[in-house]
C-alpha atoms as a PDB file:
ATOM      1  CA  MET A   1      10.823 -17.394  -6.949  1.00  0.00           C
ATOM      2  CA  LYS A   2      11.331 -17.733  -3.217  1.00  0.00           C
ATOM      3  CA  LEU A   3      12.663 -15.137  -0.777  1.00  0.00           C
ATOM      4  CA  PHE A   4      15.170 -15.744   1.958  1.00  0.00           C
ATOM      5  CA  LEU A   5      15.975 -13.282   4.774  1.00  0.00           C
ATOM      6  CA  ASP A   6      19.373 -13.524   6.425  1.00  0.00           C
ATOM      7  CA  PHE A   7      18.561 -11.813   9.718  1.00  0.00           C
ATOM      8  CA  LYS A   8      22.173 -11.910  10.879  1.00  0.00           C
ATOM      9  CA  ASN A   9      23.546 -10.035   7.923  1.00  0.00           C
ATOM     10  CA  GLY A  10      20.355  -8.135   7.081  1.00  0.00           C
ATOM     11  CA  ARG A  11      20.232  -9.397   3.541  1.00  0.00           C
ATOM     12  CA  LEU A  12      17.220 -10.423   1.409  1.00  0.00           C
ATOM     13  CA  THR A  13      17.994 -12.868  -1.323  1.00  0.00           C
ATOM     14  CA  THR A  14      16.109 -14.942  -3.879  1.00  0.00           C
ATOM     15  CA  SER A  15      16.301 -18.632  -4.687  1.00  0.00           C
ATOM     16  CA  ASP A  16      17.976 -17.776  -7.968  1.00  0.00           C
ATOM     17  CA  GLY A  17      20.856 -15.861  -6.378  1.00  0.00           C
ATOM     18  CA  LYS A  18      19.703 -12.224  -6.460  1.00  0.00           C
ATOM     19  CA  VAL A  19      20.418  -9.889  -3.609  1.00  0.00           C
ATOM     20  CA  PHE A  20      18.159  -6.959  -2.696  1.00  0.00           C
ATOM     21  CA  ALA A  21      19.613  -3.422  -2.315  1.00  0.00           C
ATOM     22  CA  PRO A  22      17.321  -1.424   0.004  1.00  0.00           C
ATOM     23  CA  ALA A  23      18.887   1.924  -0.934  1.00  0.00           C
ATOM     24  CA  ASN A  24      17.320   1.934  -4.363  1.00  0.00           C
ATOM     25  CA  ARG A  25      15.003  -1.098  -4.114  1.00  0.00           C
ATOM     26  CA  SER A  26      16.842  -3.005  -6.809  1.00  0.00           C
ATOM     27  CA  TRP A  27      18.167  -6.494  -7.260  1.00  0.00           C
ATOM     28  CA  HIS A  28      21.677  -7.527  -8.324  1.00  0.00           C
ATOM     29  CA  ASP A  29      23.573 -10.797  -8.748  1.00  0.00           C
ATOM     30  CA  GLY A  30      24.888 -12.344  -5.587  1.00  0.00           C
ATOM     31  CA  GLU A  31      27.027 -15.409  -4.793  1.00  0.00           C
ATOM     32  CA  ALA A  32      25.819 -18.731  -6.239  1.00  0.00           C
ATOM     33  CA  GLY A  33      24.806 -21.431  -3.857  1.00  0.00           C
ATOM     34  CA  THR A  34      22.142 -22.231  -1.292  1.00  0.00           C
ATOM     35  CA  PRO A  35      20.459 -19.043  -0.052  1.00  0.00           C
ATOM     36  CA  ALA A  36      21.163 -18.208   3.587  1.00  0.00           C
ATOM     37  CA  GLY A  37      18.480 -17.482   6.162  1.00  0.00           C
ATOM     38  CA  ARG A  38      14.810 -18.238   6.515  1.00  0.00           C
ATOM     39  CA  GLU A  39      12.268 -18.289   3.766  1.00  0.00           C
ATOM     40  CA  VAL A  40       9.863 -15.413   4.122  1.00  0.00           C
ATOM     41  CA  THR A  41       6.836 -13.940   2.289  1.00  0.00           C
ATOM     42  CA  PRO A  42       7.038 -10.537   0.516  1.00  0.00           C
ATOM     43  CA  THR A  43       5.099  -8.901   3.391  1.00  0.00           C
ATOM     44  CA  GLU A  44       7.386 -10.426   5.987  1.00  0.00           C
ATOM     45  CA  ALA A  45      10.413  -9.213   4.071  1.00  0.00           C
ATOM     46  CA  VAL A  46       9.071  -5.641   3.793  1.00  0.00           C
ATOM     47  CA  GLU A  47       8.167  -5.574   7.454  1.00  0.00           C
ATOM     48  CA  TRP A  48      11.625  -6.563   8.509  1.00  0.00           C
ATOM     49  CA  LEU A  49      13.517  -4.420   6.022  1.00  0.00           C
ATOM     50  CA  GLN A  50      11.389  -1.382   6.526  1.00  0.00           C
ATOM     51  CA  ASN A  51      11.451  -1.496  10.338  1.00  0.00           C
ATOM     52  CA  ALA A  52      15.213  -2.340  10.250  1.00  0.00           C
ATOM     53  CA  ASN A  53      16.389   0.812   8.413  1.00  0.00           C
ATOM     54  CA  GLY A  54      13.214   2.949   8.204  1.00  0.00           C
ATOM     55  CA  THR A  55      13.988   4.192   4.713  1.00  0.00           C
ATOM     56  CA  LEU A  56      13.226   1.230   2.443  1.00  0.00           C
ATOM     57  CA  CYS A  57      10.031   2.908   1.179  1.00  0.00           C
ATOM     58  CA  ARG A  58       9.103   6.442   2.201  1.00  0.00           C
ATOM     59  CA  VAL A  59       6.565   6.849  -0.592  1.00  0.00           C
ATOM     60  CA  PRO A  60       3.023   6.204   0.771  1.00  0.00           C
ATOM     61  CA  VAL A  61       0.580   3.589  -0.384  1.00  0.00           C
ATOM     62  CA  ALA A  62      -2.940   4.758  -1.106  1.00  0.00           C
ATOM     63  CA  ILE A  63      -6.175   3.138  -0.048  1.00  0.00           C
ATOM     64  CA  ILE A  64      -9.086   4.514  -2.008  1.00  0.00           C
ATOM     65  CA  GLY A  65     -12.862   3.900  -1.856  1.00  0.00           C
ATOM     66  CA  GLY A  66     -16.125   5.631  -1.187  1.00  0.00           C
ATOM     67  CA  ARG A  67     -17.735   7.265   1.846  1.00  0.00           C
ATOM     68  CA  GLU A  68     -20.602   4.781   1.526  1.00  0.00           C
ATOM     69  CA  ALA A  69     -19.441   1.237   2.102  1.00  0.00           C
ATOM     70  CA  SER A  70     -20.712  -2.183   3.248  1.00  0.00           C
ATOM     71  CA  PRO A  71     -19.546  -3.804   6.508  1.00  0.00           C
ATOM     72  CA  GLU A  72     -17.494  -6.248   4.485  1.00  0.00           C
ATOM     73  CA  GLN A  73     -15.750  -3.376   2.646  1.00  0.00           C
ATOM     74  CA  LEU A  74     -15.127  -1.483   5.803  1.00  0.00           C
ATOM     75  CA  ALA A  75     -13.547  -4.605   7.432  1.00  0.00           C
ATOM     76  CA  ALA A  76     -11.298  -4.994   4.356  1.00  0.00           C
ATOM     77  CA  ALA A  77     -10.218  -1.367   4.545  1.00  0.00           C
ATOM     78  CA  GLU A  78      -9.433  -1.616   8.235  1.00  0.00           C
ATOM     79  CA  ALA A  79      -7.441  -4.861   7.640  1.00  0.00           C
ATOM     80  CA  MET A  80      -5.600  -3.244   4.701  1.00  0.00           C
ATOM     81  CA  GLY A  81      -4.666  -0.264   6.907  1.00  0.00           C
ATOM     82  CA  GLN A  82      -3.285  -2.626   9.551  1.00  0.00           C
ATOM     83  CA  HIS A  83      -1.224  -4.497   6.928  1.00  0.00           C
ATOM     84  CA  LEU A  84       0.389  -1.349   5.665  1.00  0.00           C
ATOM     85  CA  ALA A  85       1.203  -0.232   9.249  1.00  0.00           C
ATOM     86  CA  ARG A  86       2.740  -3.542  10.102  1.00  0.00           C
ATOM     87  CA  MET A  87       4.994  -3.392   7.095  1.00  0.00           C
ATOM     88  CA  GLY A  88       6.108   0.098   8.199  1.00  0.00           C
ATOM     89  CA  LEU A  89       4.402   1.717   5.247  1.00  0.00           C
ATOM     90  CA  THR A  90       2.643   5.081   5.256  1.00  0.00           C
ATOM     91  CA  LEU A  91      -1.049   5.134   4.363  1.00  0.00           C
ATOM     92  CA  LEU A  92      -2.338   7.807   1.966  1.00  0.00           C
ATOM     93  CA  CYS A  93      -6.053   8.393   1.543  1.00  0.00           C
ATOM     94  CA  GLY A  94      -8.720  11.059   0.924  1.00  0.00           C
ATOM     95  CA  GLY A  95      -8.970  11.634   4.686  1.00  0.00           C
ATOM     96  CA  ARG A  96     -12.771  11.532   4.909  1.00  0.00           C
ATOM     97  CA  GLN A  97     -15.285   8.904   6.071  1.00  0.00           C
ATOM     98  CA  GLY A  98     -16.194   5.364   4.916  1.00  0.00           C
ATOM     99  CA  ILE A  99     -13.343   3.385   3.463  1.00  0.00           C
ATOM    100  CA  MET A 100     -10.904   6.145   4.238  1.00  0.00           C
ATOM    101  CA  GLU A 101     -11.825   6.244   7.916  1.00  0.00           C
ATOM    102  CA  ALA A 102     -11.746   2.449   8.256  1.00  0.00           C
ATOM    103  CA  ALA A 103      -8.302   2.278   6.653  1.00  0.00           C
ATOM    104  CA  CYS A 104      -6.936   5.089   8.948  1.00  0.00           C
ATOM    105  CA  ARG A 105      -8.412   3.312  11.978  1.00  0.00           C
ATOM    106  CA  GLY A 106      -6.712   0.120  11.057  1.00  0.00           C
ATOM    107  CA  ALA A 107      -3.361   1.916  10.566  1.00  0.00           C
ATOM    108  CA  ALA A 108      -3.790   3.698  13.905  1.00  0.00           C
ATOM    109  CA  ASN A 109      -4.617   0.475  15.739  1.00  0.00           C
ATOM    110  CA  ALA A 110      -1.323  -0.893  14.484  1.00  0.00           C
ATOM    111  CA  ASN A 111       0.639   2.275  15.360  1.00  0.00           C
ATOM    112  CA  GLY A 112       0.923   3.297  11.724  1.00  0.00           C
ATOM    113  CA  LEU A 113       1.040   6.682  10.057  1.00  0.00           C
ATOM    114  CA  SER A 114      -1.744   7.976   7.790  1.00  0.00           C
ATOM    115  CA  ILE A 115      -1.895  11.040   5.529  1.00  0.00           C
ATOM    116  CA  GLY A 116      -5.265  12.441   4.532  1.00  0.00           C
ATOM    117  CA  LEU A 117      -5.427  14.588   1.417  1.00  0.00           C
ATOM    118  CA  LEU A 118      -8.749  16.321   2.035  1.00  0.00           C
ATOM    119  CA  PRO A 119     -10.848  17.935  -0.760  1.00  0.00           C
ATOM    120  CA  ASP A 120     -11.853  20.596   1.863  1.00  0.00           C
ATOM    121  CA  ALA A 121     -10.033  23.711   2.900  1.00  0.00           C
ATOM    122  CA  ASP A 122     -10.693  22.921   6.598  1.00  0.00           C
ATOM    123  CA  PRO A 123      -8.473  20.196   8.186  1.00  0.00           C
ATOM    124  CA  ALA A 124     -11.163  19.615  10.820  1.00  0.00           C
ATOM    125  CA  MET A 125     -13.080  17.766   8.113  1.00  0.00           C
ATOM    126  CA  ALA A 126     -10.656  14.833   8.457  1.00  0.00           C
ATOM    127  CA  ASN A 127     -11.741  11.692  10.172  1.00  0.00           C
ATOM    128  CA  PRO A 128     -10.452  11.287  13.748  1.00  0.00           C
ATOM    129  CA  HIS A 129      -7.893   8.605  12.832  1.00  0.00           C
ATOM    130  CA  VAL A 130      -5.895  10.606  10.248  1.00  0.00           C
ATOM    131  CA  SER A 131      -2.345  11.291  11.534  1.00  0.00           C
ATOM    132  CA  VAL A 132      -1.645  14.117   9.144  1.00  0.00           C
ATOM    133  CA  PRO A 133      -4.551  15.958   7.539  1.00  0.00           C
ATOM    134  CA  ILE A 134      -3.669  18.070   4.493  1.00  0.00           C
ATOM    135  CA  ALA A 135      -6.506  20.455   3.573  1.00  0.00           C
ATOM    136  CA  THR A 136      -6.066  20.920  -0.179  1.00  0.00           C
ATOM    137  CA  GLY A 137      -9.224  22.989  -0.744  1.00  0.00           C
ATOM    138  CA  ILE A 138      -9.316  21.773  -4.389  1.00  0.00           C
ATOM    139  CA  GLY A 139     -12.345  19.468  -4.161  1.00  0.00           C
ATOM    140  CA  ILE A 140     -12.299  16.282  -6.210  1.00  0.00           C
ATOM    141  CA  ALA A 141      -9.210  17.439  -8.082  1.00  0.00           C
ATOM    142  CA  ARG A 142      -7.384  15.992  -5.063  1.00  0.00           C
ATOM    143  CA  ASN A 143      -8.085  12.535  -6.596  1.00  0.00           C
ATOM    144  CA  ALA A 144      -5.295  13.171  -9.037  1.00  0.00           C
ATOM    145  CA  LEU A 145      -2.939  14.123  -6.212  1.00  0.00           C
ATOM    146  CA  VAL A 146      -3.710  10.897  -4.346  1.00  0.00           C
ATOM    147  CA  ALA A 147      -2.977   8.804  -7.485  1.00  0.00           C
ATOM    148  CA  ARG A 148       0.186  10.719  -8.323  1.00  0.00           C
ATOM    149  CA  ALA A 149       1.641  10.670  -4.841  1.00  0.00           C
ATOM    150  CA  ALA A 150       1.168   6.974  -4.124  1.00  0.00           C
ATOM    151  CA  LEU A 151       3.624   4.204  -4.884  1.00  0.00           C
ATOM    152  CA  CYS A 152       0.631   2.022  -5.675  1.00  0.00           C
ATOM    153  CA  LEU A 153      -3.036   1.939  -4.729  1.00  0.00           C
ATOM    154  CA  VAL A 154      -5.566  -0.442  -3.192  1.00  0.00           C
ATOM    155  CA  ALA A 155      -9.198   0.228  -4.248  1.00  0.00           C
ATOM    156  CA  ILE A 156     -11.927  -1.140  -1.943  1.00  0.00           C
ATOM    157  CA  GLY A 157     -15.508  -0.791  -3.183  1.00  0.00           C
ATOM    158  CA  GLY A 158     -16.217   2.732  -4.403  1.00  0.00           C
ATOM    159  CA  GLY A 159     -18.020   4.477  -7.229  1.00  0.00           C
ATOM    160  CA  TYR A 160     -17.261   7.158  -9.746  1.00  0.00           C
ATOM    161  CA  GLY A 161     -14.711   8.930  -7.474  1.00  0.00           C
ATOM    162  CA  THR A 162     -12.797   5.748  -6.984  1.00  0.00           C
ATOM    163  CA  ILE A 163     -12.888   4.992 -10.739  1.00  0.00           C
ATOM    164  CA  SER A 164     -11.385   8.441 -11.420  1.00  0.00           C
ATOM    165  CA  GLU A 165      -8.549   7.765  -8.975  1.00  0.00           C
ATOM    166  CA  ILE A 166      -7.959   4.396 -10.613  1.00  0.00           C
ATOM    167  CA  ALA A 167      -7.912   5.988 -14.112  1.00  0.00           C
ATOM    168  CA  PHE A 168      -5.380   8.603 -12.915  1.00  0.00           C
ATOM    169  CA  ALA A 169      -3.249   5.918 -11.299  1.00  0.00           C
ATOM    170  CA  LEU A 170      -3.186   3.762 -14.442  1.00  0.00           C
ATOM    171  CA  GLN A 171      -2.357   6.821 -16.512  1.00  0.00           C
ATOM    172  CA  PHE A 172       0.568   7.471 -14.126  1.00  0.00           C
ATOM    173  CA  GLU A 173       1.582   3.855 -14.546  1.00  0.00           C
ATOM    174  CA  LYS A 174       0.880   2.926 -10.943  1.00  0.00           C
ATOM    175  CA  LYS A 175      -0.149  -0.609  -9.920  1.00  0.00           C
ATOM    176  CA  VAL A 176      -3.749  -0.777  -8.656  1.00  0.00           C
ATOM    177  CA  PHE A 177      -5.077  -3.695  -6.528  1.00  0.00           C
ATOM    178  CA  VAL A 178      -8.825  -4.119  -6.163  1.00  0.00           C
ATOM    179  CA  LEU A 179     -10.849  -6.003  -3.640  1.00  0.00           C
ATOM    180  CA  ALA A 180     -14.342  -6.156  -2.022  1.00  0.00           C
ATOM    181  CA  ASN A 181     -16.295  -5.388  -5.197  1.00  0.00           C
ATOM    182  CA  GLY A 182     -14.054  -2.477  -6.198  1.00  0.00           C
ATOM    183  CA  PRO A 183     -14.214  -1.293  -9.901  1.00  0.00           C
ATOM    184  CA  LEU A 184     -12.798  -4.060 -12.111  1.00  0.00           C
ATOM    185  CA  ILE A 185     -11.569  -2.039 -15.087  1.00  0.00           C
ATOM    186  CA  ASP A 186      -8.789  -2.950 -17.537  1.00  0.00           C
ATOM    187  CA  GLY A 187      -5.375  -2.669 -15.988  1.00  0.00           C
ATOM    188  CA  VAL A 188      -6.195  -3.362 -12.315  1.00  0.00           C
ATOM    189  CA  GLN A 189      -5.291  -6.562 -10.383  1.00  0.00           C
ATOM    190  CA  PRO A 190      -8.162  -8.201  -8.611  1.00  0.00           C
ATOM    191  CA  CYS A 191      -7.540  -9.565  -5.092  1.00  0.00           C
ATOM    192  CA  ASN A 192      -9.459 -12.026  -3.027  1.00  0.00           C
ATOM    193  CA  ASP A 193      -8.806 -10.280   0.276  1.00  0.00           C
ATOM    194  CA  ALA A 194      -6.599  -7.801   2.142  1.00  0.00           C
ATOM    195  CA  THR A 195      -3.837 -10.318   2.669  1.00  0.00           C
ATOM    196  CA  GLN A 196      -3.444 -10.927  -1.059  1.00  0.00           C
ATOM    197  CA  ALA A 197      -3.552  -7.173  -1.715  1.00  0.00           C
ATOM    198  CA  ALA A 198      -0.849  -6.683   0.943  1.00  0.00           C
ATOM    199  CA  ASP A 199       1.305  -9.250  -0.811  1.00  0.00           C
ATOM    200  CA  GLY A 200       0.832  -7.258  -3.993  1.00  0.00           C
ATOM    201  CA  VAL A 201       1.847  -4.039  -2.307  1.00  0.00           C
ATOM    202  CA  ALA A 202       4.929  -5.766  -0.838  1.00  0.00           C
ATOM    203  CA  ARG A 203       5.895  -6.971  -4.310  1.00  0.00           C
ATOM    204  CA  VAL A 204       5.737  -3.370  -5.603  1.00  0.00           C
ATOM    205  CA  VAL A 205       7.985  -2.232  -2.779  1.00  0.00           C
ATOM    206  CA  LEU A 206      10.445  -4.992  -3.445  1.00  0.00           C
ATOM    207  CA  ASN A 207      10.265  -4.680  -7.268  1.00  0.00           C
ATOM    208  CA  LEU A 208       9.200  -8.284  -7.603  1.00  0.00           C
ATOM    209  CA  PRO A 209       7.033  -9.749 -10.353  1.00  0.00           C
ATOM    210  CA  HIS A 210       3.370 -10.203  -9.489  1.00  0.00           C
ATOM    211  CA  GLU A 211       1.785 -13.613  -9.216  1.00  0.00           C
ATOM    212  CA  ALA A 212      -1.071 -14.313 -11.619  1.00  0.00           C
END
């Protein structure tokens, strides 16, 4: 199914005649015929729609992973943070170092907003790139908050803490994308790189089916 964005009228349509309603992120039947506008990717559609009205998706997208990470994983996290920022989406993470810091740095470099749900009671424990540090003071129990609050999650590398967040997310029926040797457990969607993960996130925002 192809997407077409009519920039003049601000409408997103599909090749089979569906029209997207940004107010509730749903699709409805439109007029039959050739779709108007330019063919776009899901990420391009979200970027335009989100930045056009600012309220397409106010629910944050989480990037999760460990404080210990390889250079490849850190690069993937930074790229993922940039993707979210460019789509006008808010990044949610645990607010500390490693994958979380790299993701926040990527978002900051693309003028994005990041929220850090810290396990600590002191907001000063947040990495320097977090836009909004929230000091929960509840320790690793904050993993459940990250999973519950996110529209969907992207797991990059990580260990037991990341697995716990994935488990919570799947229990909450949230979509979880995994890359850079993240935990491949039943129910997650593996991705080759940050670009593919960003496409998956965009599909969640647009309520589109996911490609195999």
